[in-house]
Amino acid sequence: MDVVSSMQREGFPGVVNRQSPGKPWLHTTWRTTYLHTNGAFEQRLPLLGKKLRQAFADVDRREWNLIPTFDPSSLHFRTVEFHEYWPGGQLSQAQHYDSGSIITMDIMLADPNRDYKGGDLVTPEIDGTRKYHQLQKGDAAFFLSHKYHNVLPITEGKRMVLVVELWSGPERVCPHRCWSRGVCQRKVGENSNNTAGAVAAAAENGWLLG
């Protein structure tokens, strides 16, 4: 948390601020800070990165055994995101999924008994029901990235989560959740007005699947 606060004060990581419907434009209810910007996550938190890689491997070995089907040299973190939700903040799309990634990890950094209310992680299950995951501080949820998921609205306080996606592609250092496996020209604070930029911005703001 200290590293994240320091990075945000320095102003170099990519950040997306979102507003809930009916809220003033400048009233942010959900902020995402892209900690992998310029390789900062690996530089500042190398031991944590190592632990997260091991956690991906351990859970995959127990649940799916997908990782061995990929070239090990191709597996990297696609995105490392610090999410902050305030009242009204939510991931509302019931059919949202992390398109193009293999496994997603969500680590709860706030205490739902003290820091916030609401904000359950929700997933549809094969029997047609919806499962509500009430993560405690320090819990991690792992799921295949193509699995639909959403987050219910926060009603009080502040919810904080670290989200990491594992993919078969280059380790990204651009300031957003990149769709490209090639060289990305996106820069911090850039407001792209071309079609590709608009699509990327829409995806980051939850207006598209993925």
N, C-alpha and C. Protein backbone atom coordinates (compact mmCIF):
# COMPACT_ATOMS: atom_id res chain seq x y z
N MET A 1 0.83 -1.20 0.00
CA MET A 1 0.00 0.00 0.00
C MET A 1 0.86 1.26 0.00
N ASP A 2 2.00 1.20 0.72
CA ASP A 2 2.91 2.36 0.73
C ASP A 2 3.48 2.60 -0.66
N VAL A 3 3.83 1.51 -1.36
CA VAL A 3 4.39 1.64 -2.71
C VAL A 3 3.35 2.24 -3.66
N VAL A 4 2.11 1.76 -3.56
CA VAL A 4 1.04 2.29 -4.42
C VAL A 4 0.84 3.77 -4.16
N SER A 5 0.78 4.16 -2.89
CA SER A 5 0.59 5.57 -2.55
C SER A 5 1.72 6.43 -3.10
N SER A 6 2.95 5.90 -3.00
CA SER A 6 4.10 6.63 -3.52
C SER A 6 4.00 6.80 -5.03
N MET A 7 3.62 5.72 -5.74
CA MET A 7 3.50 5.79 -7.19
C MET A 7 2.42 6.78 -7.60
N GLN A 8 1.30 6.79 -6.88
CA GLN A 8 0.22 7.72 -7.23
C GLN A 8 0.65 9.16 -7.00
N ARG A 9 1.42 9.42 -5.93
CA ARG A 9 1.91 10.79 -5.68
C ARG A 9 2.87 11.23 -6.77
N GLU A 10 3.69 10.29 -7.25
CA GLU A 10 4.66 10.62 -8.30
C GLU A 10 3.97 10.88 -9.63
N GLY A 11 2.77 10.33 -9.81
CA GLY A 11 1.96 10.65 -10.98
C GLY A 11 2.37 9.99 -12.27
N PHE A 12 3.21 8.92 -12.21
CA PHE A 12 3.64 8.34 -13.48
C PHE A 12 2.84 7.12 -13.93
N PRO A 13 2.15 6.38 -13.04
CA PRO A 13 1.43 5.20 -13.56
C PRO A 13 0.17 5.62 -14.31
N GLY A 14 -0.27 4.74 -15.22
CA GLY A 14 -1.53 4.98 -15.89
C GLY A 14 -2.68 4.88 -14.90
N VAL A 15 -3.66 5.75 -15.04
CA VAL A 15 -4.82 5.78 -14.14
C VAL A 15 -6.08 5.97 -14.97
N VAL A 16 -7.13 5.22 -14.62
CA VAL A 16 -8.45 5.44 -15.21
C VAL A 16 -9.42 5.75 -14.08
N ASN A 17 -10.10 6.89 -14.17
CA ASN A 17 -11.14 7.26 -13.21
C ASN A 17 -12.51 7.07 -13.85
N ARG A 18 -13.41 6.45 -13.11
CA ARG A 18 -14.75 6.20 -13.64
C ARG A 18 -15.79 6.83 -12.73
N GLN A 19 -16.89 7.24 -13.32
CA GLN A 19 -18.00 7.82 -12.57
C GLN A 19 -19.22 6.93 -12.72
N SER A 20 -20.00 6.81 -11.66
CA SER A 20 -21.23 6.03 -11.74
C SER A 20 -22.34 6.85 -12.39
N PRO A 21 -23.31 6.18 -13.04
CA PRO A 21 -24.43 6.91 -13.64
C PRO A 21 -25.14 7.78 -12.60
N GLY A 22 -25.41 9.00 -12.99
CA GLY A 22 -26.10 9.91 -12.09
C GLY A 22 -25.17 10.71 -11.18
N LYS A 23 -23.87 10.36 -11.19
CA LYS A 23 -22.91 11.09 -10.37
C LYS A 23 -22.28 12.21 -11.19
N PRO A 24 -21.85 13.31 -10.54
CA PRO A 24 -21.16 14.39 -11.28
C PRO A 24 -19.92 13.85 -11.99
N TRP A 25 -19.55 14.48 -13.09
CA TRP A 25 -18.44 14.00 -13.91
C TRP A 25 -17.15 13.90 -13.11
N LEU A 26 -16.90 14.83 -12.19
CA LEU A 26 -15.66 14.84 -11.44
C LEU A 26 -15.74 13.99 -10.17
N HIS A 27 -16.86 13.33 -9.96
CA HIS A 27 -17.04 12.51 -8.76
C HIS A 27 -16.63 11.07 -9.08
N THR A 28 -15.37 10.74 -8.81
CA THR A 28 -14.87 9.40 -9.12
C THR A 28 -15.40 8.39 -8.12
N THR A 29 -15.94 7.28 -8.62
CA THR A 29 -16.41 6.21 -7.75
C THR A 29 -15.60 4.93 -7.93
N TRP A 30 -14.73 4.91 -8.93
CA TRP A 30 -13.90 3.72 -9.17
C TRP A 30 -12.63 4.17 -9.90
N ARG A 31 -11.50 3.91 -9.28
CA ARG A 31 -10.22 4.31 -9.87
C ARG A 31 -9.32 3.07 -10.03
N THR A 32 -8.70 2.95 -11.20
CA THR A 32 -7.75 1.88 -11.46
C THR A 32 -6.38 2.48 -11.72
N THR A 33 -5.39 2.02 -10.96
CA THR A 33 -4.00 2.44 -11.15
C THR A 33 -3.23 1.25 -11.71
N TYR A 34 -2.58 1.45 -12.86
CA TYR A 34 -1.88 0.36 -13.54
C TYR A 34 -0.44 0.30 -13.03
N LEU A 35 -0.20 -0.59 -12.07
CA LEU A 35 1.08 -0.63 -11.37
C LEU A 35 2.23 -1.14 -12.24
N HIS A 36 1.90 -1.81 -13.34
CA HIS A 36 2.95 -2.33 -14.22
C HIS A 36 3.53 -1.26 -15.14
N THR A 37 2.99 -0.04 -15.11
CA THR A 37 3.47 1.04 -15.97
C THR A 37 4.98 1.20 -15.85
N ASN A 38 5.66 1.19 -17.00
CA ASN A 38 7.12 1.36 -17.07
C ASN A 38 7.88 0.32 -16.24
N GLY A 39 7.24 -0.85 -16.02
CA GLY A 39 7.91 -1.91 -15.27
C GLY A 39 8.02 -1.65 -13.78
N ALA A 40 7.24 -0.69 -13.25
CA ALA A 40 7.40 -0.28 -11.86
C ALA A 40 7.07 -1.40 -10.88
N PHE A 41 6.06 -2.21 -11.17
CA PHE A 41 5.68 -3.26 -10.22
C PHE A 41 6.85 -4.23 -10.00
N GLU A 42 7.46 -4.67 -11.09
CA GLU A 42 8.57 -5.62 -10.97
C GLU A 42 9.79 -4.97 -10.32
N GLN A 43 9.99 -3.69 -10.55
CA GLN A 43 11.14 -3.00 -9.98
C GLN A 43 10.98 -2.75 -8.50
N ARG A 44 9.77 -2.39 -8.08
CA ARG A 44 9.57 -1.97 -6.70
C ARG A 44 9.08 -3.10 -5.79
N LEU A 45 8.43 -4.10 -6.36
CA LEU A 45 7.88 -5.19 -5.56
C LEU A 45 8.25 -6.55 -6.16
N PRO A 46 9.56 -6.80 -6.35
CA PRO A 46 9.96 -8.05 -7.01
C PRO A 46 9.59 -9.30 -6.23
N LEU A 47 9.67 -9.26 -4.90
CA LEU A 47 9.34 -10.44 -4.10
C LEU A 47 7.84 -10.75 -4.18
N LEU A 48 7.03 -9.70 -4.20
CA LEU A 48 5.59 -9.92 -4.35
C LEU A 48 5.29 -10.52 -5.72
N GLY A 49 5.95 -10.01 -6.76
CA GLY A 49 5.76 -10.57 -8.09
C GLY A 49 6.10 -12.05 -8.14
N LYS A 50 7.18 -12.42 -7.46
CA LYS A 50 7.58 -13.84 -7.42
C LYS A 50 6.53 -14.68 -6.70
N LYS A 51 5.99 -14.16 -5.59
CA LYS A 51 4.96 -14.89 -4.85
C LYS A 51 3.69 -15.06 -5.67
N LEU A 52 3.32 -14.02 -6.43
CA LEU A 52 2.11 -14.10 -7.25
C LEU A 52 2.28 -15.12 -8.37
N ARG A 53 3.45 -15.17 -8.97
CA ARG A 53 3.70 -16.17 -10.01
C ARG A 53 3.58 -17.59 -9.44
N GLN A 54 4.13 -17.77 -8.24
CA GLN A 54 4.05 -19.08 -7.62
C GLN A 54 2.61 -19.43 -7.28
N ALA A 55 1.84 -18.44 -6.84
CA ALA A 55 0.43 -18.68 -6.52
C ALA A 55 -0.36 -19.08 -7.77
N PHE A 56 -0.11 -18.40 -8.89
CA PHE A 56 -0.75 -18.80 -10.15
C PHE A 56 -0.44 -20.26 -10.46
N ALA A 57 0.83 -20.63 -10.35
CA ALA A 57 1.25 -21.99 -10.68
C ALA A 57 0.62 -23.01 -9.75
N ASP A 58 0.59 -22.73 -8.45
CA ASP A 58 0.05 -23.67 -7.47
C ASP A 58 -1.45 -23.90 -7.68
N VAL A 59 -2.19 -22.81 -7.86
CA VAL A 59 -3.64 -22.95 -8.03
C VAL A 59 -3.96 -23.63 -9.35
N ASP A 60 -3.23 -23.28 -10.40
CA ASP A 60 -3.47 -23.91 -11.70
C ASP A 60 -3.20 -25.41 -11.62
N ARG A 61 -2.14 -25.79 -10.95
CA ARG A 61 -1.80 -27.22 -10.83
C ARG A 61 -2.92 -27.98 -10.12
N ARG A 62 -3.54 -27.34 -9.16
CA ARG A 62 -4.59 -27.99 -8.38
C ARG A 62 -5.94 -27.99 -9.10
N GLU A 63 -6.22 -26.94 -9.87
CA GLU A 63 -7.57 -26.77 -10.42
C GLU A 63 -7.72 -27.08 -11.91
N TRP A 64 -6.77 -26.63 -12.76
CA TRP A 64 -7.01 -26.67 -14.20
C TRP A 64 -5.89 -27.32 -15.02
N ASN A 65 -4.66 -27.14 -14.56
CA ASN A 65 -3.48 -27.64 -15.28
C ASN A 65 -3.38 -27.05 -16.69
N LEU A 66 -3.64 -25.76 -16.79
CA LEU A 66 -3.57 -25.05 -18.07
C LEU A 66 -2.17 -24.54 -18.38
N ILE A 67 -1.46 -24.06 -17.38
CA ILE A 67 -0.17 -23.41 -17.60
C ILE A 67 0.80 -24.30 -18.36
N PRO A 68 0.86 -25.62 -18.09
CA PRO A 68 1.81 -26.46 -18.84
C PRO A 68 1.52 -26.57 -20.33
N THR A 69 0.33 -26.14 -20.76
CA THR A 69 0.00 -26.22 -22.19
C THR A 69 0.56 -25.03 -22.96
N PHE A 70 1.19 -24.07 -22.27
CA PHE A 70 1.77 -22.90 -22.92
C PHE A 70 3.29 -22.95 -22.84
N ASP A 71 3.94 -22.30 -23.77
CA ASP A 71 5.38 -22.12 -23.73
C ASP A 71 5.71 -21.29 -22.48
N PRO A 72 6.48 -21.83 -21.54
CA PRO A 72 6.76 -21.09 -20.30
C PRO A 72 7.35 -19.70 -20.55
N SER A 73 8.15 -19.57 -21.60
CA SER A 73 8.78 -18.27 -21.87
C SER A 73 7.78 -17.22 -22.34
N SER A 74 6.55 -17.65 -22.70
CA SER A 74 5.54 -16.71 -23.19
C SER A 74 4.63 -16.19 -22.09
N LEU A 75 4.72 -16.75 -20.88
CA LEU A 75 3.78 -16.41 -19.80
C LEU A 75 4.28 -15.22 -18.99
N HIS A 76 3.47 -14.18 -18.95
CA HIS A 76 3.83 -12.95 -18.23
C HIS A 76 2.59 -12.34 -17.61
N PHE A 77 2.81 -11.35 -16.75
CA PHE A 77 1.70 -10.54 -16.26
C PHE A 77 1.27 -9.61 -17.38
N ARG A 78 0.01 -9.67 -17.71
CA ARG A 78 -0.51 -8.75 -18.73
C ARG A 78 -0.80 -7.38 -18.11
N THR A 79 -1.34 -7.43 -16.89
CA THR A 79 -1.69 -6.19 -16.21
C THR A 79 -1.65 -6.43 -14.72
N VAL A 80 -1.21 -5.42 -13.97
CA VAL A 80 -1.24 -5.44 -12.51
C VAL A 80 -1.97 -4.16 -12.10
N GLU A 81 -3.16 -4.32 -11.53
CA GLU A 81 -4.05 -3.18 -11.33
C GLU A 81 -4.44 -3.04 -9.86
N PHE A 82 -4.38 -1.81 -9.36
CA PHE A 82 -4.86 -1.48 -8.02
C PHE A 82 -6.20 -0.77 -8.19
N HIS A 83 -7.27 -1.40 -7.70
CA HIS A 83 -8.62 -0.86 -7.85
C HIS A 83 -9.11 -0.26 -6.54
N GLU A 84 -9.66 0.94 -6.62
CA GLU A 84 -10.29 1.60 -5.48
C GLU A 84 -11.74 1.93 -5.84
N TYR A 85 -12.66 1.47 -4.99
CA TYR A 85 -14.08 1.73 -5.20
C TYR A 85 -14.62 2.53 -4.02
N TRP A 86 -15.40 3.56 -4.33
CA TRP A 86 -16.11 4.33 -3.33
C TRP A 86 -17.61 4.13 -3.54
N PRO A 87 -18.48 4.63 -2.65
CA PRO A 87 -19.92 4.39 -2.80
C PRO A 87 -20.42 4.70 -4.21
N GLY A 88 -21.13 3.74 -4.77
CA GLY A 88 -21.62 3.83 -6.14
C GLY A 88 -20.71 3.13 -7.13
N GLY A 89 -19.45 2.90 -6.77
CA GLY A 89 -18.52 2.23 -7.66
C GLY A 89 -18.87 0.76 -7.81
N GLN A 90 -18.76 0.24 -9.03
CA GLN A 90 -19.12 -1.15 -9.30
C GLN A 90 -18.63 -1.55 -10.68
N LEU A 91 -18.51 -2.84 -10.89
CA LEU A 91 -18.33 -3.40 -12.23
C LEU A 91 -19.66 -4.01 -12.58
N SER A 92 -20.48 -3.27 -13.31
CA SER A 92 -21.90 -3.59 -13.43
C SER A 92 -22.21 -4.64 -14.50
N GLN A 93 -21.32 -4.81 -15.47
CA GLN A 93 -21.61 -5.76 -16.55
C GLN A 93 -21.61 -7.19 -16.04
N ALA A 94 -22.77 -7.84 -16.08
CA ALA A 94 -22.88 -9.22 -15.60
C ALA A 94 -22.07 -10.18 -16.46
N GLN A 95 -21.83 -9.82 -17.72
CA GLN A 95 -21.09 -10.69 -18.63
C GLN A 95 -19.71 -10.12 -18.96
N HIS A 96 -19.13 -9.40 -18.01
CA HIS A 96 -17.75 -8.93 -18.17
C HIS A 96 -16.80 -10.12 -18.04
N TYR A 97 -15.75 -10.13 -18.84
CA TYR A 97 -14.69 -11.12 -18.69
C TYR A 97 -13.38 -10.52 -19.15
N ASP A 98 -12.27 -11.17 -18.79
CA ASP A 98 -10.94 -10.62 -19.06
C ASP A 98 -10.40 -11.23 -20.35
N SER A 99 -10.92 -10.75 -21.45
CA SER A 99 -10.64 -11.31 -22.77
C SER A 99 -9.15 -11.37 -23.06
N GLY A 100 -8.69 -12.53 -23.54
CA GLY A 100 -7.32 -12.67 -23.99
C GLY A 100 -6.34 -13.13 -22.93
N SER A 101 -6.74 -13.16 -21.67
CA SER A 101 -5.86 -13.64 -20.60
C SER A 101 -6.21 -15.09 -20.25
N ILE A 102 -5.36 -15.71 -19.42
CA ILE A 102 -5.54 -17.13 -19.07
C ILE A 102 -6.18 -17.28 -17.70
N ILE A 103 -5.55 -16.70 -16.69
CA ILE A 103 -6.05 -16.78 -15.32
C ILE A 103 -6.00 -15.38 -14.71
N THR A 104 -7.04 -15.05 -13.94
CA THR A 104 -7.11 -13.78 -13.24
C THR A 104 -7.06 -14.02 -11.74
N MET A 105 -6.34 -13.17 -11.03
CA MET A 105 -6.24 -13.22 -9.57
C MET A 105 -6.74 -11.90 -8.99
N ASP A 106 -7.66 -11.98 -8.03
CA ASP A 106 -8.14 -10.81 -7.29
C ASP A 106 -7.74 -10.96 -5.83
N ILE A 107 -6.98 -10.00 -5.29
CA ILE A 107 -6.56 -10.06 -3.89
C ILE A 107 -7.24 -8.92 -3.13
N MET A 108 -7.99 -9.26 -2.09
CA MET A 108 -8.69 -8.25 -1.31
C MET A 108 -7.74 -7.55 -0.36
N LEU A 109 -7.68 -6.22 -0.43
CA LEU A 109 -6.76 -5.43 0.39
C LEU A 109 -7.48 -4.61 1.46
N ALA A 110 -8.79 -4.71 1.51
CA ALA A 110 -9.58 -3.98 2.51
C ALA A 110 -10.36 -4.97 3.36
N ASP A 111 -10.76 -4.52 4.53
CA ASP A 111 -11.52 -5.36 5.47
C ASP A 111 -13.01 -5.06 5.32
N PRO A 112 -13.81 -6.02 4.79
CA PRO A 112 -15.24 -5.75 4.59
C PRO A 112 -15.99 -5.56 5.90
N ASN A 113 -15.41 -5.96 7.01
CA ASN A 113 -16.07 -5.78 8.31
C ASN A 113 -15.80 -4.41 8.91
N ARG A 114 -14.87 -3.66 8.28
CA ARG A 114 -14.48 -2.37 8.85
C ARG A 114 -14.38 -1.26 7.80
N ASP A 115 -13.87 -1.59 6.62
CA ASP A 115 -13.53 -0.56 5.64
C ASP A 115 -14.64 -0.22 4.66
N TYR A 116 -15.52 -1.16 4.36
CA TYR A 116 -16.55 -0.91 3.33
C TYR A 116 -17.71 -1.88 3.47
N LYS A 117 -18.80 -1.55 2.79
CA LYS A 117 -19.96 -2.45 2.70
C LYS A 117 -20.35 -2.58 1.24
N GLY A 118 -20.94 -3.74 0.89
CA GLY A 118 -21.30 -4.02 -0.50
C GLY A 118 -20.10 -4.60 -1.22
N GLY A 119 -20.12 -4.50 -2.56
CA GLY A 119 -18.94 -4.84 -3.35
C GLY A 119 -18.60 -6.30 -3.47
N ASP A 120 -19.59 -7.19 -3.35
CA ASP A 120 -19.29 -8.61 -3.52
C ASP A 120 -18.86 -8.90 -4.96
N LEU A 121 -17.91 -9.81 -5.12
CA LEU A 121 -17.56 -10.37 -6.43
C LEU A 121 -18.60 -11.42 -6.77
N VAL A 122 -19.18 -11.34 -7.97
CA VAL A 122 -20.27 -12.24 -8.37
C VAL A 122 -19.86 -13.01 -9.62
N THR A 123 -20.12 -14.32 -9.62
CA THR A 123 -19.84 -15.15 -10.80
C THR A 123 -21.04 -16.04 -11.09
N PRO A 124 -21.40 -16.20 -12.37
CA PRO A 124 -22.44 -17.17 -12.72
C PRO A 124 -21.86 -18.58 -12.68
N GLU A 125 -22.65 -19.54 -12.24
CA GLU A 125 -22.18 -20.91 -12.12
C GLU A 125 -22.88 -21.81 -13.14
N ILE A 126 -22.33 -23.00 -13.33
CA ILE A 126 -22.79 -23.88 -14.39
C ILE A 126 -24.23 -24.35 -14.17
N ASP A 127 -24.71 -24.33 -12.92
CA ASP A 127 -26.08 -24.76 -12.64
C ASP A 127 -27.10 -23.64 -12.82
N GLY A 128 -26.64 -22.47 -13.31
CA GLY A 128 -27.54 -21.35 -13.57
C GLY A 128 -27.66 -20.38 -12.41
N THR A 129 -27.05 -20.69 -11.28
CA THR A 129 -27.10 -19.79 -10.14
C THR A 129 -25.98 -18.76 -10.22
N ARG A 130 -26.03 -17.78 -9.33
CA ARG A 130 -24.96 -16.79 -9.24
C ARG A 130 -24.34 -16.92 -7.85
N LYS A 131 -23.02 -16.95 -7.80
CA LYS A 131 -22.30 -17.10 -6.55
C LYS A 131 -21.75 -15.76 -6.10
N TYR A 132 -21.97 -15.44 -4.83
CA TYR A 132 -21.53 -14.17 -4.27
C TYR A 132 -20.32 -14.44 -3.37
N HIS A 133 -19.17 -13.91 -3.76
CA HIS A 133 -17.92 -14.18 -3.06
C HIS A 133 -17.62 -13.01 -2.13
N GLN A 134 -17.72 -13.24 -0.84
CA GLN A 134 -17.46 -12.21 0.15
C GLN A 134 -16.02 -12.39 0.66
N LEU A 135 -15.09 -11.81 -0.06
CA LEU A 135 -13.67 -11.97 0.26
C LEU A 135 -13.30 -11.19 1.51
N GLN A 136 -12.49 -11.83 2.35
CA GLN A 136 -11.95 -11.15 3.53
C GLN A 136 -10.59 -10.56 3.18
N LYS A 137 -10.11 -9.63 4.00
CA LYS A 137 -8.83 -9.00 3.75
C LYS A 137 -7.73 -10.07 3.68
N GLY A 138 -6.95 -10.06 2.61
CA GLY A 138 -5.90 -11.04 2.41
C GLY A 138 -6.31 -12.24 1.59
N ASP A 139 -7.63 -12.42 1.36
CA ASP A 139 -8.09 -13.52 0.50
C ASP A 139 -7.77 -13.23 -0.95
N ALA A 140 -7.57 -14.30 -1.72
CA ALA A 140 -7.38 -14.18 -3.17
C ALA A 140 -8.39 -15.07 -3.88
N ALA A 141 -9.01 -14.55 -4.91
CA ALA A 141 -9.90 -15.32 -5.78
C ALA A 141 -9.19 -15.55 -7.10
N PHE A 142 -9.14 -16.80 -7.54
CA PHE A 142 -8.55 -17.16 -8.83
C PHE A 142 -9.66 -17.70 -9.72
N PHE A 143 -9.68 -17.28 -10.99
CA PHE A 143 -10.65 -17.84 -11.93
C PHE A 143 -10.09 -17.74 -13.33
N LEU A 144 -10.58 -18.63 -14.19
CA LEU A 144 -10.19 -18.56 -15.60
C LEU A 144 -10.66 -17.24 -16.15
N SER A 145 -9.82 -16.58 -16.91
CA SER A 145 -10.10 -15.20 -17.31
C SER A 145 -11.33 -15.06 -18.20
N HIS A 146 -11.74 -16.15 -18.88
CA HIS A 146 -12.92 -16.06 -19.73
C HIS A 146 -14.21 -16.22 -18.93
N LYS A 147 -14.11 -16.45 -17.62
CA LYS A 147 -15.30 -16.61 -16.79
C LYS A 147 -15.95 -15.25 -16.55
N TYR A 148 -17.27 -15.18 -16.75
CA TYR A 148 -17.99 -13.94 -16.48
C TYR A 148 -17.87 -13.59 -14.98
N HIS A 149 -17.76 -12.28 -14.71
CA HIS A 149 -17.73 -11.83 -13.33
C HIS A 149 -18.10 -10.35 -13.27
N ASN A 150 -18.61 -9.93 -12.13
CA ASN A 150 -18.88 -8.51 -11.92
C ASN A 150 -18.78 -8.20 -10.43
N VAL A 151 -18.83 -6.91 -10.09
CA VAL A 151 -18.71 -6.46 -8.71
C VAL A 151 -19.93 -5.61 -8.37
N LEU A 152 -20.60 -5.96 -7.26
CA LEU A 152 -21.78 -5.21 -6.84
C LEU A 152 -21.39 -3.82 -6.34
N PRO A 153 -22.34 -2.89 -6.33
CA PRO A 153 -22.03 -1.52 -5.91
C PRO A 153 -21.52 -1.45 -4.46
N ILE A 154 -20.58 -0.57 -4.23
CA ILE A 154 -20.14 -0.25 -2.88
C ILE A 154 -21.19 0.68 -2.28
N THR A 155 -21.59 0.42 -1.05
CA THR A 155 -22.60 1.27 -0.41
C THR A 155 -22.00 2.19 0.65
N GLU A 156 -20.88 1.76 1.24
CA GLU A 156 -20.19 2.59 2.24
C GLU A 156 -18.70 2.32 2.18
N GLY A 157 -17.91 3.34 2.52
CA GLY A 157 -16.48 3.15 2.70
C GLY A 157 -15.70 3.04 1.40
N LYS A 158 -14.62 2.27 1.45
CA LYS A 158 -13.69 2.15 0.33
C LYS A 158 -13.23 0.71 0.20
N ARG A 159 -13.42 0.13 -0.99
CA ARG A 159 -12.99 -1.24 -1.30
C ARG A 159 -11.71 -1.16 -2.13
N MET A 160 -10.68 -1.93 -1.78
CA MET A 160 -9.41 -1.91 -2.50
C MET A 160 -9.01 -3.34 -2.85
N VAL A 161 -8.66 -3.54 -4.12
CA VAL A 161 -8.33 -4.87 -4.63
C VAL A 161 -7.13 -4.78 -5.56
N LEU A 162 -6.25 -5.78 -5.49
CA LEU A 162 -5.18 -5.93 -6.47
C LEU A 162 -5.61 -6.99 -7.46
N VAL A 163 -5.60 -6.66 -8.76
CA VAL A 163 -6.00 -7.59 -9.82
C VAL A 163 -4.81 -7.83 -10.73
N VAL A 164 -4.51 -9.10 -10.96
CA VAL A 164 -3.38 -9.48 -11.82
C VAL A 164 -3.88 -10.49 -12.84
N GLU A 165 -3.55 -10.27 -14.11
CA GLU A 165 -3.92 -11.21 -15.17
C GLU A 165 -2.67 -11.85 -15.75
N LEU A 166 -2.71 -13.17 -15.87
CA LEU A 166 -1.64 -13.93 -16.51
C LEU A 166 -2.04 -14.21 -17.94
N TRP A 167 -1.14 -13.98 -18.90
CA TRP A 167 -1.47 -14.26 -20.30
C TRP A 167 -0.26 -14.84 -21.02
N SER A 168 -0.49 -15.35 -22.21
CA SER A 168 0.58 -15.81 -23.08
C SER A 168 0.89 -14.66 -24.03
N GLY A 169 1.85 -13.85 -23.65
CA GLY A 169 2.19 -12.66 -24.41
C GLY A 169 3.29 -11.91 -23.68
N PRO A 170 3.77 -10.82 -24.24
CA PRO A 170 4.86 -10.07 -23.60
C PRO A 170 4.43 -9.43 -22.30
N GLU A 171 5.38 -9.24 -21.42
CA GLU A 171 5.08 -8.50 -20.19
C GLU A 171 4.87 -7.04 -20.56
N ARG A 172 3.69 -6.52 -20.22
CA ARG A 172 3.35 -5.18 -20.65
C ARG A 172 3.86 -4.13 -19.66
N VAL A 173 4.30 -2.99 -20.19
CA VAL A 173 4.75 -1.87 -19.36
C VAL A 173 4.02 -0.58 -19.74
N CYS A 174 3.06 -0.69 -20.66
CA CYS A 174 2.28 0.48 -21.08
C CYS A 174 1.23 0.80 -20.01
N PRO A 175 0.75 2.06 -19.95
CA PRO A 175 -0.04 2.52 -18.81
C PRO A 175 -1.53 2.20 -18.90
N HIS A 176 -1.85 0.97 -19.30
CA HIS A 176 -3.25 0.57 -19.38
C HIS A 176 -3.30 -0.95 -19.53
N ARG A 177 -4.50 -1.52 -19.62
CA ARG A 177 -4.65 -2.95 -19.90
C ARG A 177 -4.56 -3.12 -21.41
N CYS A 178 -3.41 -3.58 -21.88
CA CYS A 178 -3.11 -3.55 -23.31
C CYS A 178 -3.76 -4.71 -24.05
N TRP A 179 -4.28 -4.42 -25.23
CA TRP A 179 -4.85 -5.45 -26.10
C TRP A 179 -3.81 -5.96 -27.11
N SER A 180 -2.69 -5.26 -27.23
CA SER A 180 -1.71 -5.58 -28.26
C SER A 180 -0.62 -6.49 -27.73
N ARG A 181 -0.14 -7.38 -28.60
CA ARG A 181 1.04 -8.18 -28.28
C ARG A 181 2.30 -7.59 -28.93
N GLY A 182 2.13 -6.51 -29.66
CA GLY A 182 3.25 -5.83 -30.28
C GLY A 182 3.68 -4.63 -29.46
N VAL A 183 4.38 -3.71 -30.11
CA VAL A 183 4.83 -2.49 -29.44
C VAL A 183 3.64 -1.56 -29.22
N CYS A 184 3.46 -1.12 -28.01
CA CYS A 184 2.35 -0.21 -27.68
C CYS A 184 2.90 1.19 -27.52
N GLN A 185 2.27 2.14 -28.18
CA GLN A 185 2.72 3.53 -28.14
C GLN A 185 1.96 4.36 -27.11
N ARG A 186 1.06 3.74 -26.37
CA ARG A 186 0.25 4.49 -25.41
C ARG A 186 1.13 5.09 -24.32
N LYS A 187 0.91 6.36 -23.99
CA LYS A 187 1.68 7.04 -22.98
C LYS A 187 0.77 7.49 -21.84
N VAL A 188 1.36 7.70 -20.67
CA VAL A 188 0.60 8.16 -19.52
C VAL A 188 -0.10 9.47 -19.84
N GLY A 189 -1.40 9.53 -19.53
CA GLY A 189 -2.17 10.75 -19.75
C GLY A 189 -2.61 10.97 -21.17
N GLU A 190 -2.28 10.04 -22.08
CA GLU A 190 -2.62 10.22 -23.48
C GLU A 190 -4.12 10.05 -23.68
N ASN A 191 -4.70 10.95 -24.44
CA ASN A 191 -6.12 10.88 -24.76
C ASN A 191 -6.26 10.59 -26.24
N SER A 192 -6.25 9.32 -26.59
CA SER A 192 -6.27 8.94 -28.01
C SER A 192 -7.60 9.30 -28.64
N ASN A 193 -7.54 9.85 -29.87
CA ASN A 193 -8.77 10.19 -30.56
C ASN A 193 -8.96 9.33 -31.80
N ASN A 194 -8.12 8.28 -31.96
CA ASN A 194 -8.34 7.39 -33.08
C ASN A 194 -9.21 6.22 -32.67
N THR A 195 -9.59 5.40 -33.62
CA THR A 195 -10.52 4.31 -33.33
C THR A 195 -9.95 3.32 -32.33
N ALA A 196 -8.67 2.93 -32.52
CA ALA A 196 -8.06 1.97 -31.61
C ALA A 196 -8.02 2.53 -30.20
N GLY A 197 -7.69 3.82 -30.08
CA GLY A 197 -7.64 4.43 -28.76
C GLY A 197 -9.01 4.48 -28.12
N ALA A 198 -10.02 4.77 -28.91
CA ALA A 198 -11.38 4.81 -28.38
C ALA A 198 -11.84 3.45 -27.89
N VAL A 199 -11.49 2.40 -28.66
CA VAL A 199 -11.86 1.04 -28.25
C VAL A 199 -11.16 0.67 -26.96
N ALA A 200 -9.86 0.99 -26.86
CA ALA A 200 -9.10 0.68 -25.64
C ALA A 200 -9.67 1.42 -24.45
N ALA A 201 -9.99 2.69 -24.65
CA ALA A 201 -10.56 3.47 -23.54
C ALA A 201 -11.90 2.92 -23.11
N ALA A 202 -12.71 2.51 -24.08
CA ALA A 202 -14.01 1.94 -23.76
C ALA A 202 -13.86 0.66 -22.96
N ALA A 203 -12.91 -0.17 -23.35
CA ALA A 203 -12.68 -1.42 -22.63
C ALA A 203 -12.23 -1.15 -21.20
N GLU A 204 -11.33 -0.17 -21.02
CA GLU A 204 -10.83 0.14 -19.69
C GLU A 204 -11.94 0.69 -18.80
N ASN A 205 -12.90 1.36 -19.38
CA ASN A 205 -13.99 1.94 -18.60
C ASN A 205 -15.15 1.00 -18.40
N GLY A 206 -15.00 -0.25 -18.85
CA GLY A 206 -16.04 -1.22 -18.63
C GLY A 206 -17.21 -1.13 -19.59
N TRP A 207 -17.01 -0.42 -20.70
CA TRP A 207 -18.10 -0.28 -21.66
C TRP A 207 -18.12 -1.42 -22.66
N LEU A 208 -17.02 -2.17 -22.72
CA LEU A 208 -16.94 -3.35 -23.59
C LEU A 208 -16.61 -4.55 -22.75
N LEU A 209 -16.88 -5.74 -23.29
CA LEU A 209 -16.45 -6.94 -22.61
C LEU A 209 -14.95 -7.01 -22.66
N GLY A 210 -14.35 -7.57 -21.61
CA GLY A 210 -12.91 -7.75 -21.59
C GLY A 210 -12.21 -6.68 -20.79
